[in-house]
């Protein structure tokens, strides 16, 4: 692949900084450039804001990158900065260009961090995995994202059968119609209200993120005091600390192939607060990727303890797995038609406690309905 056809090298002067920028390998436009075998994370900026009619998100990659380079390097592990995507003549061209770049990175088993730009460009990320079973999650205050003919809305709402399993973390009820809420429920999609996520100290969101292949973060999900330059700022939302924890969950997940940070208008920023937060979100995601540990019941059975609970109501055993090293939990959801279609999904210790008390865990039941 000729990366010069898709990417423009980034030039970033972080000024006073620690050593994060020094720890990067950067793409400089070499015609024969190859992705190093030891690369764990690749960063791509997507300077695109045509979907928002040029509101200013196009400048986000450069200001976020400047703040990211100023942070400490954290754990060991190679991070590659591939610069910025060459945007196309049309939005569709941009989506396809991003798709082509990501297909190659996924082929080489490289995790990607996208810094945008508006959240619509994440559609290119879905296209890179089209035809596969994909769980796409958003951290956003709406279920239906703002904007006419939004490609992600088309993916979620306009298909008779959605080609992806969709999850939302942090929606705010006053931005969501009853029709949208019913649609998510009928499709067995997952949606977790902001208050619900925060009440449990983010615990309810961790298994959802752990099972996500693609995760898009809109800075609109963060409250104004912590992200004043969000594209559609709101007084309510996640705190800066909370959104960083969610990004760290994604980094730790072996399922997560890509995280994107979107929807920031730099000229509205106050003392670079939003850019600094976006950089810290990126830092926590990269740190999580570097700390990934083999953590899958199917592939690493020796690390797990298996629990069976006979469920009177179902006349069936519910099967749980606990990783004896990380203390994270999974549960198995059976397929009636074909045992090979059964799923092992992430869960919380509270799900196991519920089952022991003969109460069906919500995620188990939603997944059971979806696959049967």
Protein backbone atom coordinates (compact mmCIF):
# COMPACT_ATOMS: atom_id res chain seq x y z
CA UNK A 1 0.00 0.00 0.00
CA UNK A 2 1.31 3.46 -0.89
CA UNK A 3 0.54 5.43 2.27
CA UNK A 4 1.33 8.72 0.53
CA UNK A 5 -1.89 8.32 -1.45
CA UNK A 6 -3.89 8.43 1.77
CA UNK A 7 -1.91 10.32 4.39
CA UNK A 8 -0.21 13.67 4.93
CA UNK A 9 2.59 13.78 7.54
CA UNK A 10 1.75 15.79 10.63
CA UNK A 11 3.98 18.58 11.84
CA UNK A 12 3.61 19.23 15.52
CA UNK A 13 5.64 21.48 17.81
CA UNK A 14 4.45 20.71 21.33
CA UNK A 15 6.73 23.31 22.86
CA UNK A 16 7.42 22.45 26.49
CA UNK A 17 6.71 18.77 26.86
CA UNK A 18 7.61 15.59 28.63
CA UNK A 19 8.51 12.59 26.45
CA UNK A 20 5.35 11.28 24.80
CA UNK A 21 6.08 12.94 21.48
CA UNK A 22 9.67 11.70 21.63
CA UNK A 23 8.41 8.12 22.10
CA UNK A 24 6.38 8.22 18.86
CA UNK A 25 7.45 6.87 15.54
CA UNK A 26 6.13 9.29 12.92
CA UNK A 27 5.32 8.85 9.26
CA UNK A 28 7.29 11.42 7.26
CA UNK A 29 5.95 10.70 3.78
CA UNK A 30 8.51 8.06 2.79
CA UNK A 31 7.42 6.44 -0.51
CA UNK A 32 8.44 2.98 0.69
CA UNK A 33 7.07 3.33 4.23
CA UNK A 34 6.09 0.09 5.99
CA UNK A 35 4.21 -0.28 9.27
CA UNK A 36 6.75 -1.63 11.80
CA UNK A 37 5.87 -5.12 13.05
CA UNK A 38 6.00 -4.01 16.69
CA UNK A 39 3.43 -1.22 16.27
CA UNK A 40 0.61 -1.46 18.80
CA UNK A 41 -1.32 1.75 18.13
CA UNK A 42 -1.52 3.98 15.05
CA UNK A 43 -2.85 7.53 15.24
CA UNK A 44 -4.64 9.11 12.28
CA UNK A 45 -6.05 12.63 12.28
CA UNK A 46 -9.18 13.21 10.20
CA UNK A 47 -9.46 16.96 9.45
CA UNK A 48 -13.02 16.88 8.17
CA UNK A 49 -16.01 19.07 9.10
CA UNK A 50 -18.10 19.32 5.94
CA UNK A 51 -20.93 17.42 7.59
CA UNK A 52 -21.27 20.27 10.09
CA UNK A 53 -21.03 22.86 7.28
CA UNK A 54 -17.53 23.86 8.27
CA UNK A 55 -18.10 24.67 11.93
CA UNK A 56 -14.39 24.38 12.71
CA UNK A 57 -13.82 20.75 13.74
CA UNK A 58 -11.37 20.47 10.83
CA UNK A 59 -8.66 22.03 13.02
CA UNK A 60 -9.10 19.55 15.88
CA UNK A 61 -6.40 17.00 14.93
CA UNK A 62 -3.58 19.53 15.09
CA UNK A 63 -4.55 21.05 18.45
CA UNK A 64 -5.24 17.65 20.06
CA UNK A 65 -1.97 16.27 18.72
CA UNK A 66 -0.06 19.24 20.16
CA UNK A 67 -1.47 18.57 23.62
CA UNK A 68 -0.91 14.80 23.31
CA UNK A 69 2.75 15.25 22.42
CA UNK A 70 3.18 17.30 25.60
CA UNK A 71 2.22 14.41 27.91
CA UNK A 72 4.43 11.76 29.48
CA UNK A 73 5.17 8.55 27.59
CA UNK A 74 3.53 6.19 30.09
CA UNK A 75 4.06 2.44 29.65
CA UNK A 76 6.37 0.94 27.06
CA UNK A 77 4.99 0.05 23.63
CA UNK A 78 5.23 1.44 20.15
CA UNK A 79 2.86 4.17 19.02
CA UNK A 80 2.93 5.28 15.40
CA UNK A 81 1.64 8.69 14.29
CA UNK A 82 0.57 8.35 10.68
CA UNK A 83 -0.34 12.01 10.32
CA UNK A 84 -3.63 13.16 8.79
CA UNK A 85 -5.92 11.52 6.29
CA UNK A 86 -6.10 13.12 2.86
CA UNK A 87 -9.71 14.22 2.67
CA UNK A 88 -11.57 13.56 -0.58
CA UNK A 89 -13.50 15.76 -2.97
CA UNK A 90 -16.68 14.54 -1.29
CA UNK A 91 -17.48 13.21 2.17
CA UNK A 92 -18.03 9.78 0.63
CA UNK A 93 -14.47 9.93 -0.74
CA UNK A 94 -13.17 10.70 2.75
CA UNK A 95 -15.07 7.76 4.24
CA UNK A 96 -13.68 5.44 1.58
CA UNK A 97 -10.14 6.72 2.00
CA UNK A 98 -10.33 6.11 5.73
CA UNK A 99 -11.76 2.67 5.05
CA UNK A 100 -8.83 1.70 2.82
CA UNK A 101 -6.24 2.87 5.34
CA UNK A 102 -7.93 1.05 8.21
CA UNK A 103 -8.36 -2.21 6.28
CA UNK A 104 -4.58 -2.33 5.89
CA UNK A 105 -3.95 -1.49 9.56
CA UNK A 106 -6.44 -4.11 10.74
CA UNK A 107 -4.81 -6.66 8.44
CA UNK A 108 -1.61 -6.02 10.36
CA UNK A 109 -3.42 -6.23 13.70
CA UNK A 110 -2.76 -2.58 14.57
CA UNK A 111 -5.19 -0.77 16.88
CA UNK A 112 -6.15 2.68 15.61
CA UNK A 113 -6.83 5.97 17.34
CA UNK A 114 -8.72 8.50 15.22
CA UNK A 115 -8.76 12.18 16.15
CA UNK A 116 -11.32 14.24 14.29
CA UNK A 117 -13.11 15.93 12.86
CA UNK A 118 -16.84 15.27 13.14
CA UNK A 119 -18.20 11.93 14.27
CA UNK A 120 -19.69 11.09 10.86
CA UNK A 121 -16.20 10.10 9.63
CA UNK A 122 -16.39 7.08 11.93
CA UNK A 123 -18.62 5.56 9.26
CA UNK A 124 -15.41 4.90 7.32
CA UNK A 125 -14.29 2.79 10.26
CA UNK A 126 -17.42 0.67 9.99
CA UNK A 127 -16.83 0.27 6.24
CA UNK A 128 -13.39 -1.17 7.03
CA UNK A 129 -15.10 -4.02 8.89
CA UNK A 130 -18.18 -4.36 6.69
CA UNK A 131 -19.29 -7.96 6.26
CA UNK A 132 -18.01 -8.96 9.71
CA UNK A 133 -19.99 -9.25 12.93
CA UNK A 134 -19.37 -5.83 14.44
CA UNK A 135 -20.37 -4.16 17.68
CA UNK A 136 -20.27 -0.39 17.20
CA UNK A 137 -20.63 1.77 20.30
CA UNK A 138 -20.98 5.50 20.74
CA UNK A 139 -20.46 7.67 23.79
CA UNK A 140 -22.83 10.49 22.91
CA UNK A 141 -25.78 12.34 24.46
CA UNK A 142 -28.16 11.28 21.66
CA UNK A 143 -29.17 7.94 20.17
CA UNK A 144 -29.85 9.55 16.78
CA UNK A 145 -26.81 11.70 16.06
CA UNK A 146 -27.36 15.34 14.95
CA UNK A 147 -27.45 16.12 11.25
CA UNK A 148 -29.54 15.31 8.21
CA UNK A 149 -28.65 12.02 6.49
CA UNK A 150 -26.00 11.16 9.07
CA UNK A 151 -24.30 7.97 7.82
CA UNK A 152 -24.18 6.43 11.29
CA UNK A 153 -27.90 7.10 11.72
CA UNK A 154 -28.48 5.37 8.38
CA UNK A 155 -26.53 2.39 9.69
CA UNK A 156 -28.47 2.30 12.97
CA UNK A 157 -31.98 3.32 11.99
CA UNK A 158 -32.58 2.84 8.27
CA UNK A 159 -31.91 -0.86 7.73
CA UNK A 160 -34.56 -3.57 8.04
CA UNK A 161 -31.86 -5.55 9.84
CA UNK A 162 -28.92 -3.52 11.08
CA UNK A 163 -25.62 -4.98 9.88
CA UNK A 164 -24.05 -4.08 13.23
CA UNK A 165 -24.93 -4.46 16.89
CA UNK A 166 -25.19 -0.92 18.25
CA UNK A 167 -24.63 0.35 21.78
CA UNK A 168 -24.85 3.82 23.28
CA UNK A 169 -23.29 4.89 26.55
CA UNK A 170 -24.37 8.11 28.24
CA UNK A 171 -27.46 9.24 26.35
CA UNK A 172 -29.46 12.04 28.01
CA UNK A 173 -33.20 11.44 28.07
CA UNK A 174 -34.23 14.97 27.05
CA UNK A 175 -32.35 14.51 23.75
CA UNK A 176 -34.01 11.17 22.93
CA UNK A 177 -37.53 10.68 21.56
CA UNK A 178 -39.74 7.81 22.66
CA UNK A 179 -39.65 6.52 19.09
CA UNK A 180 -35.84 6.30 19.16
CA UNK A 181 -35.87 4.60 22.55
CA UNK A 182 -38.46 2.06 21.37
CA UNK A 183 -36.45 1.42 18.20
CA UNK A 184 -33.33 0.57 20.19
CA UNK A 185 -35.34 -1.74 22.44
CA UNK A 186 -37.05 -3.51 19.55
CA UNK A 187 -33.72 -4.11 17.78
CA UNK A 188 -32.18 -5.39 21.04
CA UNK A 189 -29.58 -2.62 20.82
CA UNK A 190 -28.12 -1.43 24.10
CA UNK A 191 -28.55 2.09 25.46
CA UNK A 192 -27.40 3.26 28.89
CA UNK A 193 -28.62 6.57 30.27
CA UNK A 194 -26.02 8.99 31.66
CA UNK A 195 -27.46 8.78 35.17
CA UNK A 196 -27.54 4.98 35.05
CA UNK A 197 -23.87 4.83 34.05
CA UNK A 198 -22.76 7.31 36.70
CA UNK A 199 -24.80 5.78 39.53
CA UNK A 200 -22.79 2.57 39.30
CA UNK A 201 -19.42 4.33 39.14
CA UNK A 202 -19.22 3.42 35.42
CA UNK A 203 -19.34 -0.33 36.20
CA UNK A 204 -22.33 -0.96 33.93
CA UNK A 205 -20.44 0.48 30.95
CA UNK A 206 -17.23 -1.54 31.28
CA UNK A 207 -18.61 -4.86 29.90
CA UNK A 208 -20.30 -2.99 27.01
CA UNK A 209 -17.03 -1.32 26.05
CA UNK A 210 -15.11 -4.59 26.55
CA UNK A 211 -17.32 -6.20 23.88
CA UNK A 212 -17.12 -3.27 21.42
CA UNK A 213 -15.13 -3.58 18.21
CA UNK A 214 -15.43 0.13 17.41
CA UNK A 215 -15.96 2.98 19.87
CA UNK A 216 -16.67 6.60 18.91
CA UNK A 217 -16.51 9.33 21.55
CA UNK A 218 -18.30 12.61 20.90
CA UNK A 219 -16.99 15.43 23.05
CA UNK A 220 -20.66 16.48 23.23
CA UNK A 221 -20.99 13.71 25.85
CA UNK A 222 -18.79 15.72 28.25
CA UNK A 223 -20.23 18.54 30.33
CA UNK A 224 -19.46 22.12 29.28
CA UNK A 225 -17.27 22.91 32.28
CA UNK A 226 -14.87 20.13 31.21
CA UNK A 227 -15.25 20.49 27.42
CA UNK A 228 -16.30 24.06 26.52
CA UNK A 229 -15.36 23.57 22.86
CA UNK A 230 -17.60 20.56 22.24
CA UNK A 231 -19.52 21.00 18.98
CA UNK A 232 -22.86 20.99 20.83
CA UNK A 233 -21.85 21.81 24.38
CA UNK A 234 -24.25 21.05 27.22
CA UNK A 235 -24.20 21.78 30.97
CA UNK A 236 -24.65 18.06 31.71
CA UNK A 237 -22.50 15.12 30.73
CA UNK A 238 -19.57 13.01 31.82
CA UNK A 239 -16.75 14.60 33.78
CA UNK A 240 -13.25 14.67 32.36
CA UNK A 241 -12.15 11.93 34.75
CA UNK A 242 -15.08 9.71 33.78
CA UNK A 243 -14.56 9.99 30.03
CA UNK A 244 -10.87 9.14 30.49
CA UNK A 245 -11.81 6.02 32.46
CA UNK A 246 -14.15 4.92 29.67
CA UNK A 247 -11.32 5.34 27.14
CA UNK A 248 -9.03 3.28 29.39
CA UNK A 249 -11.65 0.49 29.45
CA UNK A 250 -11.57 0.52 25.64
CA UNK A 251 -7.80 0.35 25.57
CA UNK A 252 -7.78 -2.71 27.82
CA UNK A 253 -10.34 -4.53 25.64
CA UNK A 254 -9.01 -7.11 23.19
CA UNK A 255 -12.14 -6.61 21.09
CA UNK A 256 -11.63 -2.89 20.52
CA UNK A 257 -9.98 -2.31 17.16
CA UNK A 258 -10.43 1.44 17.05
CA UNK A 259 -11.38 4.45 19.14
CA UNK A 260 -12.29 7.84 17.71
CA UNK A 261 -12.47 11.24 19.44
CA UNK A 262 -14.69 13.73 17.63
CA UNK A 263 -16.81 16.89 17.74
CA UNK A 264 -14.59 19.68 19.02
CA UNK A 265 -14.40 23.24 17.69
CA UNK A 266 -10.96 24.65 18.64
CA UNK A 267 -11.81 28.34 18.24
CA UNK A 268 -14.41 27.94 21.02
CA UNK A 269 -11.90 26.46 23.44
CA UNK A 270 -11.04 28.19 26.71
CA UNK A 271 -7.34 27.94 27.57
CA UNK A 272 -7.16 24.73 25.50
CA UNK A 273 -9.20 22.86 28.12
CA UNK A 274 -11.09 20.71 25.59
CA UNK A 275 -7.96 19.95 23.56
CA UNK A 276 -6.13 18.93 26.72
CA UNK A 277 -8.98 16.66 27.75
CA UNK A 278 -9.15 15.06 24.29
CA UNK A 279 -5.39 14.44 24.46
CA UNK A 280 -5.78 12.86 27.90
CA UNK A 281 -8.59 10.63 26.56
CA UNK A 282 -6.19 9.52 23.81
CA UNK A 283 -3.41 8.97 26.37
CA UNK A 284 -5.59 6.72 28.52
CA UNK A 285 -6.69 4.68 25.51
CA UNK A 286 -3.09 4.15 24.36
CA UNK A 287 -2.05 3.29 27.92
CA UNK A 288 -4.83 0.70 28.09
CA UNK A 289 -3.75 -0.90 24.81
CA UNK A 290 -0.19 -1.22 26.08
CA UNK A 291 -1.49 -3.02 29.20
CA UNK A 292 -3.70 -5.55 27.42
CA UNK A 293 -3.54 -9.00 28.96
CA UNK A 294 -4.83 -12.31 27.49
CA UNK A 295 -8.39 -12.20 28.72
CA UNK A 296 -10.76 -14.43 26.74
CA UNK A 297 -12.49 -17.54 28.15
CA UNK A 298 -12.38 -19.35 24.80
CA UNK A 299 -8.70 -18.80 24.07
CA UNK A 300 -7.23 -18.78 27.58
CA UNK A 301 -9.31 -21.27 29.55
CA UNK A 302 -6.44 -21.91 31.97
CA UNK A 303 -6.90 -18.39 33.39
CA UNK A 304 -10.59 -18.86 34.16
CA UNK A 305 -12.80 -20.41 36.79
CA UNK A 306 -16.18 -21.63 35.55
CA UNK A 307 -19.44 -21.28 37.52
CA UNK A 308 -22.74 -22.97 36.71
CA UNK A 309 -26.04 -21.76 38.17
CA UNK A 310 -29.18 -23.79 37.53
CA UNK A 311 -31.95 -21.39 36.62
CA UNK A 312 -35.36 -22.76 37.59
CA UNK A 313 -37.28 -20.43 35.28
CA UNK A 314 -35.31 -21.48 32.20
CA UNK A 315 -34.64 -25.12 33.20
CA UNK A 316 -31.12 -24.40 32.10
CA UNK A 317 -27.68 -23.74 33.56
CA UNK A 318 -26.34 -20.22 33.29
CA UNK A 319 -22.61 -20.39 32.75
CA UNK A 320 -20.25 -17.73 34.10
CA UNK A 321 -16.49 -17.33 33.80
CA UNK A 322 -14.18 -15.39 36.10
CA UNK A 323 -10.63 -14.52 35.19
CA UNK A 324 -8.58 -15.45 38.24
CA UNK A 325 -5.91 -12.89 37.30
CA UNK A 326 -7.94 -9.82 36.36
CA UNK A 327 -11.15 -10.73 38.26
CA UNK A 328 -13.24 -9.75 35.23
CA UNK A 329 -16.38 -11.74 34.46
CA UNK A 330 -18.12 -13.21 31.39
CA UNK A 331 -21.36 -15.12 30.86
CA UNK A 332 -22.39 -17.53 28.13
CA UNK A 333 -25.60 -16.94 26.19
CA UNK A 334 -26.87 -20.07 24.39
CA UNK A 335 -28.26 -20.23 20.87
CA UNK A 336 -31.35 -22.44 20.58
CA UNK A 337 -30.80 -23.34 16.92
CA UNK A 338 -27.05 -23.89 16.89
CA UNK A 339 -24.63 -24.33 19.78
CA UNK A 340 -21.88 -22.88 17.59
CA UNK A 341 -23.75 -19.55 17.57
CA UNK A 342 -23.69 -19.27 21.37
CA UNK A 343 -21.93 -16.15 22.63
CA UNK A 344 -19.68 -15.44 25.57
CA UNK A 345 -20.25 -11.82 26.55
CA UNK A 346 -18.68 -9.60 29.19
CA UNK A 347 -20.52 -8.94 32.42
CA UNK A 348 -20.10 -7.59 35.96
CA UNK A 349 -19.84 -9.47 39.27
CA UNK A 350 -23.32 -8.12 40.01
CA UNK A 351 -24.70 -10.08 37.04
CA UNK A 352 -23.43 -13.28 38.64
CA UNK A 353 -24.96 -12.26 41.98
CA UNK A 354 -28.31 -11.58 40.26
CA UNK A 355 -28.28 -14.99 38.61
CA UNK A 356 -27.46 -16.69 41.91
CA UNK A 357 -30.64 -15.08 43.25
CA UNK A 358 -32.63 -16.42 40.26
CA UNK A 359 -32.81 -13.04 38.50
CA UNK A 360 -31.91 -12.94 34.81
CA UNK A 361 -29.16 -10.36 34.10
CA UNK A 362 -30.34 -7.64 31.69
CA UNK A 363 -27.43 -8.04 29.24
CA UNK A 364 -27.91 -11.82 29.16
CA UNK A 365 -31.60 -11.46 28.33
CA UNK A 366 -31.07 -8.80 25.64
CA UNK A 367 -28.38 -10.90 23.99
CA UNK A 368 -30.50 -14.06 24.21
CA UNK A 369 -33.36 -12.28 22.42
CA UNK A 370 -31.01 -10.92 19.78
CA UNK A 371 -29.43 -14.24 18.77
CA UNK A 372 -32.54 -16.43 19.04
